[in-house]
């Protein structure tokens, strides 16, 4: 079952709640009773580790470099030295 983070916009009460995906979202704050209790956006709670796709392809953090267009030749009006 996933764990959802909830926060009340009235009193600021925050709590993590374990719910089924099919359960309706909570709306009533258990602290103050206001109808301003809502789910918060949180980061995913997992890391990719081991000898799989992540470890072999992106562990170093460098993506394949894109080819850059060649610089224009001097005299073609592409550099600051050319007064065209």
PDB file of N, CA and C in Angstrom:
ATOM      1  N   UNK A   1       0.843  -1.180   0.000  1.00  0.00           N
ATOM      2  CA  UNK A   1       0.000   0.000   0.000  1.00  0.00           C
ATOM      3  C   UNK A   1       0.891   1.247   0.000  1.00  0.00           C
ATOM      4  N   UNK A   2       0.533   2.224  -0.824  1.00  0.00           N
ATOM      5  CA  UNK A   2       1.319   3.458  -0.852  1.00  0.00           C
ATOM      6  C   UNK A   2       1.091   4.332   0.377  1.00  0.00           C
ATOM      7  N   UNK A   3       2.080   5.145   0.671  1.00  0.00           N
ATOM      8  CA  UNK A   3       1.993   6.101   1.771  1.00  0.00           C
ATOM      9  C   UNK A   3       1.864   7.492   1.156  1.00  0.00           C
ATOM     10  N   UNK A   4       0.827   8.217   1.551  1.00  0.00           N
ATOM     11  CA  UNK A   4       0.578   9.552   1.032  1.00  0.00           C
ATOM     12  C   UNK A   4       0.831  10.599   2.115  1.00  0.00           C
ATOM     13  N   UNK A   5       1.400  11.723   1.718  1.00  0.00           N
ATOM     14  CA  UNK A   5       1.622  12.832   2.645  1.00  0.00           C
ATOM     15  C   UNK A   5       0.426  13.775   2.534  1.00  0.00           C
ATOM     16  N   UNK A   6      -0.163  14.103   3.661  1.00  0.00           N
ATOM     17  CA  UNK A   6      -1.300  15.032   3.714  1.00  0.00           C
ATOM     18  C   UNK A   6      -0.907  16.245   4.549  1.00  0.00           C
ATOM     19  N   UNK A   7      -1.530  17.383   4.232  1.00  0.00           N
ATOM     20  CA  UNK A   7      -1.303  18.597   5.022  1.00  0.00           C
ATOM     21  C   UNK A   7      -2.577  19.433   5.022  1.00  0.00           C
ATOM     22  N   UNK A   8      -2.870  20.023   6.182  1.00  0.00           N
ATOM     23  CA  UNK A   8      -4.037  20.895   6.335  1.00  0.00           C
ATOM     24  C   UNK A   8      -3.605  22.331   6.042  1.00  0.00           C
ATOM     25  N   UNK A   9      -4.313  22.996   5.158  1.00  0.00           N
ATOM     26  CA  UNK A   9      -3.975  24.387   4.836  1.00  0.00           C
ATOM     27  C   UNK A   9      -4.520  25.357   5.886  1.00  0.00           C
ATOM     28  N   UNK A  10      -5.386  24.883   6.791  1.00  0.00           N
ATOM     29  CA  UNK A  10      -5.920  25.741   7.850  1.00  0.00           C
ATOM     30  C   UNK A  10      -4.998  25.805   9.063  1.00  0.00           C
ATOM     31  N   UNK A  11      -4.654  24.632   9.606  1.00  0.00           N
ATOM     32  CA  UNK A  11      -3.858  24.623  10.843  1.00  0.00           C
ATOM     33  C   UNK A  11      -2.402  24.205  10.628  1.00  0.00           C
ATOM     34  N   UNK A  12      -2.072  23.673   9.446  1.00  0.00           N
ATOM     35  CA  UNK A  12      -0.705  23.270   9.154  1.00  0.00           C
ATOM     36  C   UNK A  12      -0.350  21.859   9.582  1.00  0.00           C
ATOM     37  N   UNK A  13      -1.310  21.124  10.123  1.00  0.00           N
ATOM     38  CA  UNK A  13      -1.065  19.744  10.553  1.00  0.00           C
ATOM     39  C   UNK A  13      -0.654  18.905   9.336  1.00  0.00           C
ATOM     40  N   UNK A  14       0.451  18.140   9.472  1.00  0.00           N
ATOM     41  CA  UNK A  14       0.925  17.273   8.393  1.00  0.00           C
ATOM     42  C   UNK A  14       1.063  15.855   8.917  1.00  0.00           C
ATOM     43  N   UNK A  15       0.753  14.881   8.053  1.00  0.00           N
ATOM     44  CA  UNK A  15       0.779  13.494   8.470  1.00  0.00           C
ATOM     45  C   UNK A  15       0.940  12.600   7.238  1.00  0.00           C
ATOM     46  N   UNK A  16       1.655  11.476   7.395  1.00  0.00           N
ATOM     47  CA  UNK A  16       1.751  10.460   6.356  1.00  0.00           C
ATOM     48  C   UNK A  16       0.690   9.409   6.624  1.00  0.00           C
ATOM     49  N   UNK A  17      -0.069   9.048   5.578  1.00  0.00           N
ATOM     50  CA  UNK A  17      -1.182   8.109   5.739  1.00  0.00           C
ATOM     51  C   UNK A  17      -1.016   6.969   4.739  1.00  0.00           C
ATOM     52  N   UNK A  18      -1.121   5.722   5.226  1.00  0.00           N
ATOM     53  CA  UNK A  18      -1.069   4.557   4.354  1.00  0.00           C
ATOM     54  C   UNK A  18      -2.483   4.275   3.862  1.00  0.00           C
ATOM     55  N   UNK A  19      -2.661   4.301   2.532  1.00  0.00           N
ATOM     56  CA  UNK A  19      -3.977   4.085   1.942  1.00  0.00           C
ATOM     57  C   UNK A  19      -3.859   3.208   0.711  1.00  0.00           C
ATOM     58  N   UNK A  20      -4.941   2.541   0.377  1.00  0.00           N
ATOM     59  CA  UNK A  20      -5.020   1.818  -0.884  1.00  0.00           C
ATOM     60  C   UNK A  20      -5.142   2.847  -2.006  1.00  0.00           C
ATOM     61  N   UNK A  21      -4.715   2.479  -3.186  1.00  0.00           N
ATOM     62  CA  UNK A  21      -4.841   3.375  -4.342  1.00  0.00           C
ATOM     63  C   UNK A  21      -6.323   3.647  -4.620  1.00  0.00           C
ATOM     64  N   UNK A  22      -7.177   2.662  -4.355  1.00  0.00           N
ATOM     65  CA  UNK A  22      -8.609   2.804  -4.624  1.00  0.00           C
ATOM     66  C   UNK A  22      -9.361   3.605  -3.560  1.00  0.00           C
ATOM     67  N   UNK A  23      -8.727   3.886  -2.410  1.00  0.00           N
ATOM     68  CA  UNK A  23      -9.383   4.671  -1.353  1.00  0.00           C
ATOM     69  C   UNK A  23      -9.577   6.118  -1.783  1.00  0.00           C
ATOM     70  N   UNK A  24     -10.668   6.712  -1.341  1.00  0.00           N
ATOM     71  CA  UNK A  24     -10.929   8.129  -1.628  1.00  0.00           C
ATOM     72  C   UNK A  24      -9.949   8.997  -0.841  1.00  0.00           C
ATOM     73  N   UNK A  25      -9.505  10.112  -1.416  1.00  0.00           N
ATOM     74  CA  UNK A  25      -8.589  10.998  -0.682  1.00  0.00           C
ATOM     75  C   UNK A  25      -9.251  11.564   0.572  1.00  0.00           C
ATOM     76  N   UNK A  26      -8.449  11.765   1.613  1.00  0.00           N
ATOM     77  CA  UNK A  26      -8.966  12.349   2.852  1.00  0.00           C
ATOM     78  C   UNK A  26      -9.146  13.851   2.650  1.00  0.00           C
ATOM     79  N   UNK A  27     -10.178  14.422   3.246  1.00  0.00           N
ATOM     80  CA  UNK A  27     -10.433  15.859   3.105  1.00  0.00           C
ATOM     81  C   UNK A  27     -10.599  16.555   4.449  1.00  0.00           C
ATOM     82  N   UNK A  28     -10.932  15.799   5.509  1.00  0.00           N
ATOM     83  CA  UNK A  28     -11.141  16.382   6.830  1.00  0.00           C
ATOM     84  C   UNK A  28      -9.873  16.242   7.672  1.00  0.00           C
ATOM     85  N   UNK A  29      -9.383  17.353   8.186  1.00  0.00           N
ATOM     86  CA  UNK A  29      -8.178  17.361   9.009  1.00  0.00           C
ATOM     87  C   UNK A  29      -8.481  16.688  10.349  1.00  0.00           C
ATOM     88  N   UNK A  30      -7.663  15.694  10.768  1.00  0.00           N
ATOM     89  CA  UNK A  30      -7.912  15.034  12.055  1.00  0.00           C
ATOM     90  C   UNK A  30      -7.561  15.931  13.246  1.00  0.00           C
ATOM     91  N   UNK A  31      -6.810  16.992  13.033  1.00  0.00           N
ATOM     92  CA  UNK A  31      -6.392  17.897  14.110  1.00  0.00           C
ATOM     93  C   UNK A  31      -7.453  18.962  14.405  1.00  0.00           C
ATOM     94  N   UNK A  32      -7.877  19.695  13.343  1.00  0.00           N
ATOM     95  CA  UNK A  32      -8.796  20.819  13.571  1.00  0.00           C
ATOM     96  C   UNK A  32     -10.198  20.588  13.008  1.00  0.00           C
ATOM     97  N   UNK A  33     -10.388  19.531  12.200  1.00  0.00           N
ATOM     98  CA  UNK A  33     -11.710  19.227  11.651  1.00  0.00           C
ATOM     99  C   UNK A  33     -12.079  20.021  10.415  1.00  0.00           C
ATOM    100  N   UNK A  34     -11.198  20.873   9.923  1.00  0.00           N
ATOM    101  CA  UNK A  34     -11.491  21.676   8.728  1.00  0.00           C
ATOM    102  C   UNK A  34     -11.454  20.794   7.482  1.00  0.00           C
ATOM    103  N   UNK A  35     -12.198  21.192   6.478  1.00  0.00           N
ATOM    104  CA  UNK A  35     -12.247  20.466   5.203  1.00  0.00           C
ATOM    105  C   UNK A  35     -11.150  20.968   4.260  1.00  0.00           C
ATOM    106  N   UNK A  36      -9.952  21.148   4.775  1.00  0.00           N
ATOM    107  CA  UNK A  36      -8.843  21.669   3.955  1.00  0.00           C
ATOM    108  C   UNK A  36      -7.626  20.750   4.023  1.00  0.00           C
ATOM    109  N   UNK A  37      -7.872  19.471   4.172  1.00  0.00           N
ATOM    110  CA  UNK A  37      -6.819  18.448   4.237  1.00  0.00           C
ATOM    111  C   UNK A  37      -6.591  17.927   2.824  1.00  0.00           C
ATOM    112  N   UNK A  38      -5.360  17.967   2.330  1.00  0.00           N
ATOM    113  CA  UNK A  38      -5.114  17.530   0.954  1.00  0.00           C
ATOM    114  C   UNK A  38      -3.776  16.815   0.823  1.00  0.00           C
ATOM    115  N   UNK A  39      -3.673  15.990  -0.236  1.00  0.00           N
ATOM    116  CA  UNK A  39      -2.439  15.265  -0.521  1.00  0.00           C
ATOM    117  C   UNK A  39      -1.367  16.250  -0.968  1.00  0.00           C
ATOM    118  N   UNK A  40      -0.137  15.953  -0.602  1.00  0.00           N
ATOM    119  CA  UNK A  40       1.003  16.775  -0.988  1.00  0.00           C
ATOM    120  C   UNK A  40       1.826  16.026  -2.038  1.00  0.00           C
ATOM    121  N   UNK A  41       2.485  16.773  -2.896  1.00  0.00           N
ATOM    122  CA  UNK A  41       3.364  16.185  -3.891  1.00  0.00           C
ATOM    123  C   UNK A  41       4.707  15.900  -3.228  1.00  0.00           C
ATOM    124  N   UNK A  42       5.160  14.652  -3.298  1.00  0.00           N
ATOM    125  CA  UNK A  42       6.419  14.269  -2.659  1.00  0.00           C
ATOM    126  C   UNK A  42       7.304  13.530  -3.656  1.00  0.00           C
ATOM    127  N   UNK A  43       8.577  13.412  -3.334  1.00  0.00           N
ATOM    128  CA  UNK A  43       9.523  12.690  -4.185  1.00  0.00           C
ATOM    129  C   UNK A  43       9.297  11.189  -4.067  1.00  0.00           C
ATOM    130  N   UNK A  44       9.656  10.487  -5.100  1.00  0.00           N
ATOM    131  CA  UNK A  44       9.531   9.028  -5.084  1.00  0.00           C
ATOM    132  C   UNK A  44      10.467   8.437  -4.045  1.00  0.00           C
ATOM    133  N   UNK A  45      10.055   7.376  -3.404  1.00  0.00           N
ATOM    134  CA  UNK A  45      10.828   6.778  -2.331  1.00  0.00           C
ATOM    135  C   UNK A  45      11.613   5.553  -2.751  1.00  0.00           C
ATOM    136  N   UNK A  46      12.314   5.617  -3.890  1.00  0.00           N
ATOM    137  CA  UNK A  46      13.141   4.483  -4.279  1.00  0.00           C
ATOM    138  C   UNK A  46      14.393   4.979  -4.984  1.00  0.00           C
ATOM    139  N   UNK A  47      15.402   4.124  -5.020  1.00  0.00           N
ATOM    140  CA  UNK A  47      16.648   4.417  -5.717  1.00  0.00           C
ATOM    141  C   UNK A  47      16.972   3.242  -6.618  1.00  0.00           C
ATOM    142  N   UNK A  48      17.574   3.540  -7.760  1.00  0.00           N
ATOM    143  CA  UNK A  48      17.996   2.484  -8.671  1.00  0.00           C
ATOM    144  C   UNK A  48      19.421   2.088  -8.305  1.00  0.00           C
ATOM    145  N   UNK A  49      19.605   0.838  -7.918  1.00  0.00           N
ATOM    146  CA  UNK A  49      20.919   0.331  -7.520  1.00  0.00           C
ATOM    147  C   UNK A  49      21.140  -1.029  -8.149  1.00  0.00           C
ATOM    148  N   UNK A  50      22.388  -1.434  -8.213  1.00  0.00           N
ATOM    149  CA  UNK A  50      22.686  -2.779  -8.670  1.00  0.00           C
ATOM    150  C   UNK A  50      23.292  -2.817 -10.051  1.00  0.00           C
ATOM    151  N   UNK A  51      23.262  -3.992 -10.661  1.00  0.00           N
ATOM    152  CA  UNK A  51      23.906  -4.217 -11.954  1.00  0.00           C
ATOM    153  C   UNK A  51      22.919  -4.161 -13.113  1.00  0.00           C
ATOM    154  N   UNK A  52      21.901  -3.363 -13.007  1.00  0.00           N
ATOM    155  CA  UNK A  52      20.895  -3.293 -14.062  1.00  0.00           C
ATOM    156  C   UNK A  52      21.099  -2.134 -15.012  1.00  0.00           C
ATOM    157  N   UNK A  53      20.027  -1.713 -15.623  1.00  0.00           N
ATOM    158  CA  UNK A  53      20.005  -0.646 -16.621  1.00  0.00           C
ATOM    159  C   UNK A  53      20.682   0.618 -16.115  1.00  0.00           C
ATOM    160  N   UNK A  54      20.350   1.052 -14.915  1.00  0.00           N
ATOM    161  CA  UNK A  54      20.890   2.299 -14.366  1.00  0.00           C
ATOM    162  C   UNK A  54      22.397   2.214 -14.164  1.00  0.00           C
ATOM    163  N   UNK A  55      22.858   1.141 -13.568  1.00  0.00           N
ATOM    164  CA  UNK A  55      24.280   1.021 -13.237  1.00  0.00           C
ATOM    165  C   UNK A  55      25.150   0.968 -14.487  1.00  0.00           C
ATOM    166  N   UNK A  56      24.672   0.356 -15.536  1.00  0.00           N
ATOM    167  CA  UNK A  56      25.503   0.219 -16.734  1.00  0.00           C
ATOM    168  C   UNK A  56      25.375   1.391 -17.692  1.00  0.00           C
ATOM    169  N   UNK A  57      24.274   2.097 -17.688  1.00  0.00           N
ATOM    170  CA  UNK A  57      24.064   3.142 -18.677  1.00  0.00           C
ATOM    171  C   UNK A  57      24.238   4.569 -18.178  1.00  0.00           C
ATOM    172  N   UNK A  58      23.857   4.870 -16.958  1.00  0.00           N
ATOM    173  CA  UNK A  58      23.855   6.264 -16.525  1.00  0.00           C
ATOM    174  C   UNK A  58      24.532   6.502 -15.184  1.00  0.00           C
ATOM    175  N   UNK A  59      25.229   5.544 -14.629  1.00  0.00           N
ATOM    176  CA  UNK A  59      25.812   5.715 -13.310  1.00  0.00           C
ATOM    177  C   UNK A  59      26.816   6.857 -13.268  1.00  0.00           C
ATOM    178  N   UNK A  60      27.587   7.063 -14.342  1.00  0.00           N
ATOM    179  CA  UNK A  60      28.584   8.125 -14.383  1.00  0.00           C
ATOM    180  C   UNK A  60      27.974   9.505 -14.476  1.00  0.00           C
ATOM    181  N   UNK A  61      26.711   9.593 -14.823  1.00  0.00           N
ATOM    182  CA  UNK A  61      26.037  10.885 -14.886  1.00  0.00           C
ATOM    183  C   UNK A  61      26.258  11.637 -16.175  1.00  0.00           C
ATOM    184  N   UNK A  62      27.012  11.090 -17.105  1.00  0.00           N
ATOM    185  CA  UNK A  62      27.235  11.814 -18.353  1.00  0.00           C
ATOM    186  C   UNK A  62      26.450  11.153 -19.475  1.00  0.00           C
ATOM    187  N   UNK A  63      25.605  11.938 -20.089  1.00  0.00           N
ATOM    188  CA  UNK A  63      24.821  11.466 -21.213  1.00  0.00           C
ATOM    189  C   UNK A  63      25.666  11.577 -22.477  1.00  0.00           C
ATOM    190  N   UNK A  64      25.326  10.836 -23.520  1.00  0.00           N
ATOM    191  CA  UNK A  64      26.062  10.976 -24.770  1.00  0.00           C
ATOM    192  C   UNK A  64      25.986  12.418 -25.273  1.00  0.00           C
ATOM    193  N   UNK A  65      27.115  12.904 -25.765  1.00  0.00           N
ATOM    194  CA  UNK A  65      27.170  14.294 -26.228  1.00  0.00           C
ATOM    195  C   UNK A  65      26.597  14.408 -27.629  1.00  0.00           C
ATOM    196  N   UNK A  66      25.896  15.505 -27.862  1.00  0.00           N
ATOM    197  CA  UNK A  66      25.352  15.795 -29.184  1.00  0.00           C
ATOM    198  C   UNK A  66      26.456  16.412 -30.032  1.00  0.00           C
ATOM    199  N   UNK A  67      26.397  16.150 -31.317  1.00  0.00           N
ATOM    200  CA  UNK A  67      27.378  16.746 -32.213  1.00  0.00           C
ATOM    201  C   UNK A  67      27.068  18.224 -32.370  1.00  0.00           C
ATOM    202  N   UNK A  68      28.113  19.039 -32.291  1.00  0.00           N
ATOM    203  CA  UNK A  68      27.939  20.470 -32.447  1.00  0.00           C
ATOM    204  C   UNK A  68      28.199  20.851 -33.890  1.00  0.00           C
ATOM    205  N   UNK A  69      27.513  21.884 -34.346  1.00  0.00           N
ATOM    206  CA  UNK A  69      27.728  22.376 -35.705  1.00  0.00           C
ATOM    207  C   UNK A  69      29.108  23.028 -35.774  1.00  0.00           C
ATOM    208  N   UNK A  70      29.818  22.861 -36.883  1.00  0.00           N
ATOM    209  CA  UNK A  70      31.138  23.488 -36.996  1.00  0.00           C
ATOM    210  C   UNK A  70      31.022  25.009 -37.012  1.00  0.00           C
ATOM    211  N   UNK A  71      32.038  25.658 -36.464  1.00  0.00           N
ATOM    212  CA  UNK A  71      32.059  27.126 -36.448  1.00  0.00           C
ATOM    213  C   UNK A  71      32.225  27.649 -37.874  1.00  0.00           C
ATOM    214  N   UNK A  72      31.583  28.782 -38.194  1.00  0.00           N
ATOM    215  CA  UNK A  72      31.735  29.334 -39.547  1.00  0.00           C
ATOM    216  C   UNK A  72      33.171  29.809 -39.776  1.00  0.00           C
ATOM    217  N   UNK A  73      33.611  29.693 -41.016  1.00  0.00           N
ATOM    218  CA  UNK A  73      34.978  30.117 -41.357  1.00  0.00           C
ATOM    219  C   UNK A  73      35.068  31.633 -41.333  1.00  0.00           C
ATOM    220  N   UNK A  74      36.227  32.130 -40.983  1.00  0.00           N
ATOM    221  CA  UNK A  74      36.440  33.576 -40.956  1.00  0.00           C
ATOM    222  C   UNK A  74      36.293  34.106 -42.381  1.00  0.00           C
ATOM    223  N   UNK A  75      35.653  35.237 -42.514  1.00  0.00           N
ATOM    224  CA  UNK A  75      35.387  35.817 -43.820  1.00  0.00           C
ATOM    225  C   UNK A  75      33.985  35.499 -44.308  1.00  0.00           C
ATOM    226  N   UNK A  76      33.283  34.614 -43.587  1.00  0.00           N
ATOM    227  CA  UNK A  76      31.922  34.254 -43.985  1.00  0.00           C
ATOM    228  C   UNK A  76      30.886  35.080 -43.229  1.00  0.00           C
ATOM    229  N   UNK A  77      31.345  36.022 -42.405  1.00  0.00           N
ATOM    230  CA  UNK A  77      30.436  36.881 -41.681  1.00  0.00           C
ATOM    231  C   UNK A  77      29.943  36.274 -40.375  1.00  0.00           C
ATOM    232  N   UNK A  78      30.535  35.192 -39.930  1.00  0.00           N
ATOM    233  CA  UNK A  78      30.077  34.511 -38.732  1.00  0.00           C
ATOM    234  C   UNK A  78      30.848  34.862 -37.474  1.00  0.00           C
ATOM    235  N   UNK A  79      31.885  35.677 -37.573  1.00  0.00           N
ATOM    236  CA  UNK A  79      32.639  36.023 -36.381  1.00  0.00           C
ATOM    237  C   UNK A  79      32.698  37.526 -36.204  1.00  0.00           C
ATOM    238  N   UNK A  80      33.089  37.963 -35.014  1.00  0.00           N
ATOM    239  CA  UNK A  80      33.102  39.412 -34.711  1.00  0.00           C
ATOM    240  C   UNK A  80      34.222  40.141 -35.459  1.00  0.00           C
ATOM    241  N   UNK A  81      35.205  39.419 -35.950  1.00  0.00           N
ATOM    242  CA  UNK A  81      36.302  40.060 -36.682  1.00  0.00           C
ATOM    243  C   UNK A  81      35.862  40.464 -38.092  1.00  0.00           C
ATOM    244  N   UNK A  82      34.838  39.823 -38.607  1.00  0.00           N
ATOM    245  CA  UNK A  82      34.337  40.154 -39.953  1.00  0.00           C
ATOM    246  C   UNK A  82      33.401  41.354 -39.859  1.00  0.00           C
ATOM    247  N   UNK A  83      33.640  42.345 -40.657  1.00  0.00           N
ATOM    248  CA  UNK A  83      32.806  43.555 -40.637  1.00  0.00           C
ATOM    249  C   UNK A  83      31.881  43.546 -41.849  1.00  0.00           C
ATOM    250  N   UNK A  84      30.936  42.627 -41.854  1.00  0.00           N
ATOM    251  CA  UNK A  84      29.998  42.539 -42.989  1.00  0.00           C
ATOM    252  C   UNK A  84      28.659  43.046 -42.584  1.00  0.00           C
TER     253      UNK A  84
END
